[in-house]
Amino acid sequence: MRRVTIAIDGFSSCGKSTLAKELAHRLGYTYIDSGAMYRAVALFAMESGLVKDHYMDLQGLVDALDGIRIGFQHDDTTGRSATFLNGRNVEGSIRGMEVSRHVTLVSPVPEVRAKLVELQRAMGREGGVVMDGRDIGTVVFPHAEVKFFMTASPEIRAQRRYLELVAKGVQVDLAAVRENIIQRDEDDTKRKTSPLVQAPDAIVIDNSELTAEEQFDLALGHVMKAIGEPEEVQARR
């Protein structure tokens, strides 16, 4: 059975990572969390004193890029891949609101994007990968066999993100979460470098009214068609 590349793009808090992880697990593919990579760079900048009053020392960040190593390792505790920054597990640190507020300062930087795209392409060179982000189907893997573009209403996304943070013990205000999501949409779609756009050949999934199970079944069906194997055969593997 041939191994394809699956690119998942879309707005923040649309469940891109959840779908990507589930597809990777079912197919036995490698999951690459591009959003986590940008969050790791944001965390590096914050910890290195390159961010002050929501302003980034861009030249300082660019000068430090060669010293940033990002990778993924299986976490036996969670059964998922964990993000590592310079050899340190930062999976928990990069998911908080503070990093969310600063990730849009690093994601538009051309040098940052160039470095991470290079790393991402190297990880997916042999196929058999699932990657989610903002420009995977348009920039990183424009020739991916399967491309999804995910969307949902801001209200639905804010509620989902809020419940996710609360479940992790994070004290946060729903209005603040919604404001952050709307700001990220604005930044993602209007930045000059690799803005969030729907690839012409992407399959759109609006999951505002879909359950996670319905979304997964829909996406898996499209992947099975691309692979050329009936879904029921793959399900028995």
Protein backbone atom coordinates (compact mmCIF):
# COMPACT_ATOMS: atom_id res chain seq x y z
CA MET A 1 0.00 0.00 0.00
CA ARG A 2 1.45 3.35 -1.00
CA ARG A 3 2.13 5.90 1.70
CA VAL A 4 0.77 9.37 0.98
CA THR A 5 1.33 12.80 2.46
CA ILE A 6 -1.63 14.38 4.26
CA ALA A 7 -1.68 18.17 4.72
CA ILE A 8 -4.19 19.72 7.12
CA ASP A 9 -4.61 23.50 7.19
CA GLY A 10 -7.17 25.77 8.78
CA PHE A 11 -8.01 28.28 11.45
CA SER A 12 -6.88 28.01 15.06
CA SER A 13 -8.81 25.76 17.45
CA CYS A 14 -10.51 23.83 14.65
CA GLY A 15 -9.21 20.48 15.86
CA LYS A 16 -6.52 20.17 13.20
CA SER A 17 -4.06 18.52 15.57
CA THR A 18 -6.65 16.11 16.94
CA LEU A 19 -7.62 14.96 13.45
CA ALA A 20 -3.99 14.74 12.33
CA LYS A 21 -3.01 12.62 15.33
CA GLU A 22 -5.95 10.27 14.86
CA LEU A 23 -5.23 9.79 11.16
CA ALA A 24 -1.55 9.20 11.86
CA HIS A 25 -2.41 6.63 14.53
CA ARG A 26 -4.90 4.77 12.32
CA LEU A 27 -2.59 4.74 9.29
CA GLY A 28 0.67 4.15 11.15
CA TYR A 29 2.01 7.46 9.82
CA THR A 30 4.31 10.01 11.44
CA TYR A 31 2.56 13.04 12.93
CA ILE A 32 4.34 16.38 12.63
CA ASP A 33 2.81 19.25 14.62
CA SER A 34 3.94 22.37 12.76
CA GLY A 35 2.02 24.64 15.13
CA ALA A 36 3.96 23.21 18.05
CA MET A 37 7.18 24.10 16.24
CA TYR A 38 6.18 27.77 16.01
CA ARG A 39 5.06 27.69 19.63
CA ALA A 40 8.46 26.27 20.58
CA VAL A 41 10.18 29.17 18.82
CA ALA A 42 7.91 31.60 20.67
CA LEU A 43 8.78 29.94 23.98
CA PHE A 44 12.48 30.14 23.13
CA ALA A 45 12.12 33.87 22.40
CA MET A 46 10.26 34.47 25.67
CA GLU A 47 12.75 32.53 27.78
CA SER A 48 15.69 34.23 26.04
CA GLY A 49 14.43 37.72 26.86
CA LEU A 50 13.69 38.54 23.22
CA VAL A 51 10.08 39.56 23.97
CA LYS A 52 9.21 42.67 25.97
CA ASP A 53 5.83 44.39 26.21
CA HIS A 54 4.59 42.28 23.28
CA TYR A 55 7.43 43.44 21.03
CA MET A 56 9.94 41.02 19.54
CA ASP A 57 13.65 41.59 19.11
CA LEU A 58 13.46 40.27 15.55
CA GLN A 59 17.16 40.54 14.78
CA GLY A 60 18.01 38.82 18.03
CA LEU A 61 15.64 35.98 17.16
CA VAL A 62 17.03 35.62 13.64
CA ASP A 63 20.58 35.55 15.02
CA ALA A 64 19.58 32.78 17.44
CA LEU A 65 17.83 30.50 14.90
CA ASP A 66 20.86 28.31 14.28
CA GLY A 67 20.84 27.41 17.96
CA ILE A 68 17.22 26.25 18.00
CA ARG A 69 16.60 22.50 17.69
CA ILE A 70 13.03 21.21 17.57
CA GLY A 71 11.95 17.60 17.43
CA PHE A 72 9.23 15.16 18.45
CA GLN A 73 9.48 12.11 20.68
CA HIS A 74 6.94 9.60 21.88
CA ASP A 75 5.73 10.32 25.42
CA ASP A 76 4.95 7.07 27.26
CA THR A 77 2.86 8.96 29.82
CA THR A 78 0.41 10.41 27.32
CA GLY A 79 0.85 7.94 24.48
CA ARG A 80 1.37 10.92 22.16
CA SER A 81 4.25 12.73 20.54
CA ALA A 82 5.81 15.43 22.71
CA THR A 83 7.57 18.55 21.47
CA PHE A 84 11.21 18.96 22.43
CA LEU A 85 13.11 22.25 22.34
CA ASN A 86 16.88 21.89 22.50
CA GLY A 87 16.53 18.49 24.14
CA ARG A 88 13.87 19.56 26.69
CA ASN A 89 10.26 18.40 26.74
CA VAL A 90 8.22 21.61 26.40
CA GLU A 91 4.86 20.09 25.43
CA GLY A 92 3.12 21.52 28.49
CA SER A 93 4.86 24.89 28.37
CA ILE A 94 3.93 25.71 24.78
CA ARG A 95 0.18 25.15 25.20
CA GLY A 96 -0.61 28.01 27.58
CA MET A 97 -2.19 31.36 26.77
CA GLU A 98 1.08 33.26 27.26
CA VAL A 99 2.72 31.41 24.38
CA SER A 100 -0.51 31.76 22.35
CA ARG A 101 -0.30 35.53 22.75
CA HIS A 102 3.27 35.61 21.46
CA VAL A 103 3.27 32.98 18.70
CA THR A 104 1.94 35.51 16.17
CA LEU A 105 5.08 37.58 16.75
CA VAL A 106 7.33 34.79 15.48
CA SER A 107 5.15 33.06 12.88
CA PRO A 108 5.28 35.90 10.27
CA VAL A 109 9.10 36.22 10.43
CA PRO A 110 10.41 35.01 7.03
CA GLU A 111 13.61 33.57 8.49
CA VAL A 112 11.67 31.60 11.10
CA ARG A 113 9.28 30.20 8.51
CA ALA A 114 12.13 29.30 6.17
CA LYS A 115 13.94 27.37 8.91
CA LEU A 116 10.84 25.48 10.05
CA VAL A 117 9.69 24.69 6.50
CA GLU A 118 13.11 23.22 5.83
CA LEU A 119 12.81 21.04 8.96
CA GLN A 120 9.26 20.00 8.07
CA ARG A 121 10.13 19.01 4.51
CA ALA A 122 13.03 16.94 5.77
CA MET A 123 10.73 15.12 8.21
CA GLY A 124 8.22 14.33 5.46
CA ARG A 125 10.55 13.54 2.59
CA GLU A 126 9.65 9.84 2.42
CA GLY A 127 5.86 10.24 2.67
CA GLY A 128 3.72 8.50 5.25
CA VAL A 129 3.28 11.71 7.23
CA VAL A 130 0.41 13.82 8.51
CA MET A 131 1.14 17.49 9.15
CA ASP A 132 -1.19 20.26 10.27
CA GLY A 133 -0.71 24.00 10.33
CA ARG A 134 -1.48 27.15 8.33
CA ASP A 135 0.47 26.69 5.08
CA ILE A 136 1.11 22.97 4.80
CA GLY A 137 -0.89 22.36 1.62
CA THR A 138 0.20 25.62 -0.01
CA VAL A 139 3.86 26.00 0.95
CA VAL A 140 5.34 23.02 2.80
CA PHE A 141 3.75 20.19 0.80
CA PRO A 142 2.02 21.77 -2.22
CA HIS A 143 2.02 18.36 -3.95
CA ALA A 144 0.48 16.43 -1.04
CA GLU A 145 -1.89 13.72 -2.22
CA VAL A 146 -4.52 14.67 0.38
CA LYS A 147 -5.22 18.20 1.59
CA PHE A 148 -7.83 19.27 4.13
CA PHE A 149 -8.86 22.82 5.04
CA MET A 150 -10.69 23.02 8.37
CA THR A 151 -12.93 25.77 9.63
CA ALA A 152 -15.61 26.50 12.24
CA SER A 153 -17.29 29.58 13.67
CA PRO A 154 -15.23 31.72 16.08
CA GLU A 155 -17.79 31.13 18.85
CA ILE A 156 -17.55 27.36 18.53
CA ARG A 157 -13.76 27.47 18.42
CA ALA A 158 -13.54 29.75 21.46
CA GLN A 159 -15.79 27.48 23.49
CA ARG A 160 -13.74 24.41 22.54
CA ARG A 161 -10.46 26.12 23.39
CA TYR A 162 -11.85 27.44 26.67
CA LEU A 163 -13.00 23.98 27.78
CA GLU A 164 -9.65 22.50 26.76
CA LEU A 165 -7.74 25.01 28.90
CA VAL A 166 -10.09 24.63 31.86
CA ALA A 167 -9.67 20.85 31.71
CA LYS A 168 -5.92 21.42 32.02
CA GLY A 169 -6.42 23.55 35.10
CA VAL A 170 -5.74 26.87 33.38
CA GLN A 171 -7.74 29.81 34.72
CA VAL A 172 -8.89 31.79 31.71
CA ASP A 173 -11.80 34.00 30.63
CA LEU A 174 -13.97 32.86 27.71
CA ALA A 175 -14.10 36.37 26.25
CA ALA A 176 -10.31 36.57 26.32
CA VAL A 177 -10.05 33.25 24.52
CA ARG A 178 -12.46 34.42 21.82
CA GLU A 179 -10.56 37.68 21.43
CA ASN A 180 -7.31 35.75 21.04
CA ILE A 181 -8.82 33.49 18.37
CA ILE A 182 -10.18 36.42 16.36
CA GLN A 183 -6.82 38.19 16.56
CA ARG A 184 -5.01 35.04 15.42
CA ASP A 185 -7.41 34.72 12.47
CA GLU A 186 -6.60 38.30 11.52
CA ASP A 187 -2.85 37.75 11.83
CA ASP A 188 -2.90 34.40 10.02
CA THR A 189 -4.89 35.56 7.01
CA LYS A 190 -3.31 38.98 6.52
CA ARG A 191 0.39 38.38 7.15
CA LYS A 192 2.66 39.00 4.17
CA THR A 193 4.59 35.75 4.44
CA SER A 194 2.66 32.51 3.77
CA PRO A 195 -0.78 33.73 4.85
CA LEU A 196 -3.49 31.21 5.69
CA VAL A 197 -5.32 30.45 2.45
CA GLN A 198 -7.26 27.47 1.21
CA ALA A 199 -5.36 25.43 -1.38
CA PRO A 200 -7.41 25.10 -4.59
CA ASP A 201 -7.44 21.30 -4.32
CA ALA A 202 -8.13 21.13 -0.57
CA ILE A 203 -11.17 19.35 0.85
CA VAL A 204 -13.05 21.78 3.13
CA ILE A 205 -14.33 20.45 6.44
CA ASP A 206 -16.54 22.81 8.44
CA ASN A 207 -16.80 21.03 11.77
CA SER A 208 -19.02 23.56 13.55
CA GLU A 209 -21.77 20.94 13.76
CA LEU A 210 -19.67 17.75 13.50
CA THR A 211 -18.61 15.47 16.31
CA ALA A 212 -14.97 14.40 16.46
CA GLU A 213 -16.02 10.91 15.32
CA GLU A 214 -17.99 12.23 12.35
CA GLN A 215 -15.09 14.43 11.32
CA PHE A 216 -12.61 11.56 11.54
CA ASP A 217 -14.79 9.19 9.51
CA LEU A 218 -15.26 11.84 6.83
CA ALA A 219 -11.55 12.57 6.57
CA LEU A 220 -10.52 8.91 6.65
CA GLY A 221 -12.90 8.17 3.78
CA HIS A 222 -11.14 10.76 1.61
CA VAL A 223 -7.71 9.39 2.55
CA MET A 224 -8.73 5.83 1.68
CA LYS A 225 -9.86 6.99 -1.75
CA ALA A 226 -6.48 8.64 -2.32
CA ILE A 227 -4.61 5.55 -1.19
CA GLY A 228 -6.79 3.38 -3.38
CA GLU A 229 -7.82 0.92 -0.68
CA PRO A 230 -11.37 0.41 0.64
CA GLU A 231 -11.81 1.87 4.13
CA GLU A 232 -13.19 -1.39 5.51
CA VAL A 233 -10.00 -3.21 4.50
CA GLN A 234 -7.81 -0.59 6.19
CA ALA A 235 -9.97 -0.71 9.33
CA ARG A 236 -9.15 -4.40 9.78
CA ARG A 237 -5.40 -3.80 9.74
